[in-house]
Amino acid sequence: MARVKTKVVIAHEFKLISDSLSTLIESSDKYKVIGTVSTGKELIHLINQNVPDLALIDANLPDIGGLEAVRSIKQKNKNAKIVMLTMDVNNILLDQMEEEGISEYITFEEDETFMFNMLDRIVKDSKPRYVSEKAKRPSTSVLQSSDLEDKPKKKKKGLLTKKEKEVMRVLTMESDNEKIAKILGIKPATVITHKKHLIKKLGVKSTAELIIFSFRNQDALP
């Protein structure tokens, strides 16, 4: 009998992040991404057509905001598990998340293994599991871990070539290899090679994490 996959929606202001997370999550045979959206209105339209079991939502989602989006999903499926996507966590947000029954959060500083372990745990739990004390989470928490924050910053000086920096910059605008190649005037195969080298040099684990790192370090790029 075929495994019933957990239906996932991803809502984030930046399409590149949504697409990268979608590719990463789809690599597991446990999950099926049924849609990615960039605004609150798009999310409402999506869940009216197909209600998810699990939703990853940008805390600053345009239009209605992440917390309001959570309420809309909970109205459709009170048992839906929610993961908040945020670049920063403060006590106010933590309190709001707890009040809304949000299962967990990702700060884009965790690695791939952390994320999948978290998603698996959330899906298996019969009720929301929420970490209200920041001390319970790793001090260097897919996307502040040694893989995406500390190591790349230490390695970055004098490490990347001019072309690699250009690739990193374009990654903040485009994810398709052929389109990146056209922008940079190189072959798609060369783009793939640059991505592989960048993943190794920066100590990240996947293209998705490389894109997140590019977003977090735009000021250091040409």
Protein backbone atom coordinates (compact mmCIF):
# COMPACT_ATOMS: atom_id res chain seq x y z
CA MET A 1 0.00 0.00 0.00
CA ALA A 2 1.37 3.39 -1.03
CA ARG A 3 2.37 5.83 1.69
CA VAL A 4 -0.07 8.69 2.21
CA LYS A 5 2.00 11.82 1.95
CA THR A 6 1.53 14.87 4.16
CA LYS A 7 0.10 17.73 2.10
CA VAL A 8 2.22 20.88 2.44
CA VAL A 9 1.76 24.50 1.41
CA ILE A 10 4.53 27.08 1.50
CA ALA A 11 3.78 30.80 1.71
CA HIS A 12 6.66 33.25 1.57
CA GLU A 13 7.06 36.78 0.22
CA PHE A 14 10.10 35.72 -1.84
CA LYS A 15 9.32 33.17 -4.55
CA LEU A 16 12.92 31.94 -4.60
CA ILE A 17 12.64 30.90 -0.97
CA SER A 18 9.31 29.17 -1.53
CA ASP A 19 10.63 27.33 -4.56
CA SER A 20 13.83 26.30 -2.79
CA LEU A 21 11.95 24.99 0.23
CA SER A 22 9.53 23.20 -2.06
CA THR A 23 12.36 21.42 -3.89
CA LEU A 24 13.96 20.46 -0.59
CA ILE A 25 10.75 19.14 0.98
CA GLU A 26 9.74 17.27 -2.17
CA SER A 27 13.03 15.35 -1.94
CA SER A 28 11.40 13.39 0.90
CA ASP A 29 8.88 10.67 0.13
CA LYS A 30 6.85 11.71 3.19
CA TYR A 31 5.68 15.07 1.91
CA LYS A 32 3.80 16.46 -1.08
CA VAL A 33 3.91 20.20 -1.75
CA ILE A 34 0.48 21.10 -3.10
CA GLY A 35 1.27 24.75 -3.68
CA THR A 36 3.60 27.69 -3.12
CA VAL A 37 2.36 31.27 -2.88
CA SER A 38 3.78 34.74 -2.24
CA THR A 39 0.88 36.64 -0.67
CA GLY A 40 -1.85 36.12 1.87
CA LYS A 41 -4.59 36.44 -0.74
CA GLU A 42 -2.98 33.73 -2.85
CA LEU A 43 -2.77 31.50 0.23
CA ILE A 44 -6.48 31.94 1.03
CA HIS A 45 -7.36 31.06 -2.56
CA LEU A 46 -5.15 27.97 -2.42
CA ILE A 47 -6.50 26.59 0.85
CA ASN A 48 -10.07 27.12 -0.36
CA GLN A 49 -9.24 24.61 -3.10
CA ASN A 50 -7.01 22.19 -1.21
CA VAL A 51 -6.62 22.20 2.58
CA PRO A 52 -3.09 21.32 3.75
CA ASP A 53 -1.96 19.10 6.61
CA LEU A 54 1.15 21.22 7.13
CA ALA A 55 1.86 24.84 6.26
CA LEU A 56 5.12 26.80 6.26
CA ILE A 57 4.20 30.48 6.46
CA ASP A 58 6.22 33.69 6.28
CA ALA A 59 5.69 35.72 9.46
CA ASN A 60 5.65 38.87 7.29
CA LEU A 61 3.45 37.51 4.52
CA PRO A 62 2.12 40.37 2.35
CA ASP A 63 -1.57 41.34 2.42
CA ILE A 64 -2.89 39.67 5.56
CA GLY A 65 0.26 38.76 7.50
CA GLY A 66 1.45 35.36 8.67
CA LEU A 67 -0.62 35.13 11.86
CA GLU A 68 -3.88 35.97 10.11
CA ALA A 69 -3.02 33.37 7.48
CA VAL A 70 -2.61 30.81 10.25
CA ARG A 71 -6.11 31.57 11.53
CA SER A 72 -7.53 31.04 8.05
CA ILE A 73 -5.89 27.63 7.74
CA LYS A 74 -7.00 26.59 11.23
CA GLN A 75 -10.59 27.44 10.28
CA LYS A 76 -10.33 24.98 7.40
CA ASN A 77 -8.39 22.31 9.28
CA LYS A 78 -8.08 22.74 13.03
CA ASN A 79 -5.53 19.92 13.14
CA ALA A 80 -3.23 21.49 10.54
CA LYS A 81 0.35 21.87 11.73
CA ILE A 82 1.94 25.28 11.20
CA VAL A 83 5.61 26.24 10.97
CA MET A 84 6.44 29.94 10.97
CA LEU A 85 9.20 31.15 8.64
CA THR A 86 11.01 34.15 10.10
CA MET A 87 14.36 35.89 9.92
CA ASP A 88 14.13 37.07 13.52
CA VAL A 89 12.40 35.84 16.67
CA ASN A 90 11.39 38.02 19.62
CA ASN A 91 9.29 37.46 22.73
CA ILE A 92 6.26 39.21 21.23
CA LEU A 93 6.26 36.92 18.20
CA LEU A 94 6.84 33.85 20.38
CA ASP A 95 3.81 34.76 22.52
CA GLN A 96 1.66 35.29 19.42
CA MET A 97 2.77 31.99 17.94
CA GLU A 98 1.94 30.14 21.14
CA GLU A 99 -1.49 31.78 21.28
CA GLU A 100 -2.24 30.69 17.71
CA GLY A 101 -1.08 27.12 18.34
CA ILE A 102 1.81 27.30 15.91
CA SER A 103 3.89 24.15 16.16
CA GLU A 104 7.37 25.55 15.57
CA TYR A 105 9.43 28.10 13.69
CA ILE A 106 12.38 28.15 11.32
CA THR A 107 14.74 31.11 11.35
CA PHE A 108 16.50 30.14 8.08
CA GLU A 109 19.54 29.29 10.16
CA GLU A 110 18.87 25.58 10.68
CA ASP A 111 20.25 22.90 8.40
CA GLU A 112 18.36 20.39 6.30
CA THR A 113 18.55 17.58 8.86
CA PHE A 114 17.18 19.84 11.62
CA MET A 115 14.27 20.89 9.42
CA PHE A 116 13.20 17.36 8.44
CA ASN A 117 13.53 16.10 12.03
CA MET A 118 11.34 18.97 13.13
CA LEU A 119 8.73 18.39 10.41
CA ASP A 120 8.59 14.65 11.13
CA ARG A 121 8.10 15.31 14.84
CA ILE A 122 5.39 17.90 14.24
CA VAL A 123 3.42 15.68 11.89
CA LYS A 124 3.52 12.73 14.30
CA ASP A 125 2.41 14.77 17.33
CA SER A 126 -1.32 14.66 18.06
CA LYS A 127 -1.28 18.19 19.38
CA PRO A 128 0.87 21.29 18.69
CA ARG A 129 4.32 21.08 20.20
CA TYR A 130 5.68 24.55 20.85
CA VAL A 131 9.06 25.58 22.17
CA SER A 132 8.31 28.73 24.16
CA GLU A 133 11.73 29.03 25.75
CA LYS A 134 14.41 30.12 23.31
CA ALA A 135 17.02 28.40 25.48
CA LYS A 136 15.57 25.05 24.44
CA ARG A 137 16.53 25.64 20.81
CA PRO A 138 20.11 25.39 19.55
CA SER A 139 22.15 28.50 20.30
CA THR A 140 23.22 28.51 16.68
CA SER A 141 20.08 27.48 15.31
CA VAL A 142 17.21 25.63 6.88
CA LEU A 143 18.44 27.97 6.47
CA GLN A 144 22.31 31.22 12.56
CA SER A 145 23.99 27.65 12.21
CA SER A 146 27.68 26.99 11.68
CA ASP A 147 26.78 25.80 8.21
CA LEU A 148 25.05 28.93 7.00
CA GLU A 149 26.32 31.71 9.21
CA ASP A 150 29.61 31.23 11.02
CA LYS A 151 31.54 29.08 8.55
CA PRO A 152 30.68 31.06 5.42
CA LYS A 153 31.51 34.36 7.09
CA LYS A 154 34.89 33.04 8.17
CA LYS A 155 35.63 31.63 4.72
CA LYS A 156 34.14 34.37 2.60
CA LYS A 157 37.06 36.85 2.46
CA GLY A 158 39.21 36.21 -0.56
CA LEU A 159 37.50 32.90 -1.24
CA LEU A 160 34.92 33.59 -3.92
CA THR A 161 35.92 34.53 -7.43
CA LYS A 162 34.34 37.53 -9.15
CA LYS A 163 32.17 35.23 -11.28
CA GLU A 164 31.04 33.23 -8.23
CA LYS A 165 30.01 36.46 -6.50
CA GLU A 166 28.02 37.36 -9.61
CA VAL A 167 26.31 33.96 -9.51
CA MET A 168 25.47 34.51 -5.84
CA ARG A 169 24.00 37.92 -6.63
CA VAL A 170 21.83 36.56 -9.44
CA LEU A 171 20.63 33.75 -7.14
CA THR A 172 18.76 36.42 -5.15
CA MET A 173 16.75 37.19 -8.29
CA GLU A 174 16.45 33.95 -10.22
CA SER A 175 16.60 30.18 -9.57
CA ASP A 176 16.37 28.72 -13.07
CA ASN A 177 19.80 27.67 -14.38
CA GLU A 178 19.07 28.65 -17.97
CA LYS A 179 17.86 32.12 -16.99
CA ILE A 180 20.88 32.61 -14.71
CA ALA A 181 23.13 31.56 -17.58
CA LYS A 182 21.48 34.09 -19.90
CA ILE A 183 21.90 36.91 -17.39
CA LEU A 184 25.57 36.10 -16.80
CA GLY A 185 26.42 35.21 -20.40
CA ILE A 186 27.59 31.69 -19.54
CA LYS A 187 26.36 28.15 -20.23
CA PRO A 188 23.75 26.47 -17.96
CA ALA A 189 26.26 23.69 -17.28
CA THR A 190 28.70 26.32 -16.02
CA VAL A 191 26.03 27.67 -13.66
CA ILE A 192 25.56 24.18 -12.22
CA THR A 193 29.34 23.85 -11.77
CA HIS A 194 29.52 27.22 -9.98
CA LYS A 195 26.67 26.18 -7.67
CA LYS A 196 28.44 22.94 -6.76
CA HIS A 197 31.68 24.79 -6.00
CA LEU A 198 29.86 27.43 -3.95
CA ILE A 199 28.05 24.80 -1.88
CA LYS A 200 31.42 23.21 -1.06
CA LYS A 201 33.26 26.50 -0.42
CA LEU A 202 30.60 28.03 1.80
CA GLY A 203 29.94 24.89 3.80
CA VAL A 204 26.23 24.77 2.96
CA LYS A 205 24.45 21.52 2.18
CA SER A 206 22.18 22.21 -0.76
CA THR A 207 21.19 24.68 -3.46
CA ALA A 208 18.28 25.76 -1.26
CA GLU A 209 20.67 26.69 1.57
CA LEU A 210 22.95 28.44 -0.95
CA ILE A 211 20.06 30.65 -2.08
CA ILE A 212 19.15 31.46 1.51
CA PHE A 213 22.78 32.37 2.22
CA SER A 214 22.77 34.63 -0.86
CA PHE A 215 19.74 36.49 0.49
CA ARG A 216 21.31 36.89 3.93
CA ASN A 217 24.57 38.26 2.53
CA GLN A 218 23.48 40.53 -0.31
CA ASP A 219 25.53 43.44 1.07
CA ALA A 220 28.75 41.45 0.61
CA LEU A 221 28.03 40.75 -3.07
CA PRO A 222 28.95 43.06 -6.00
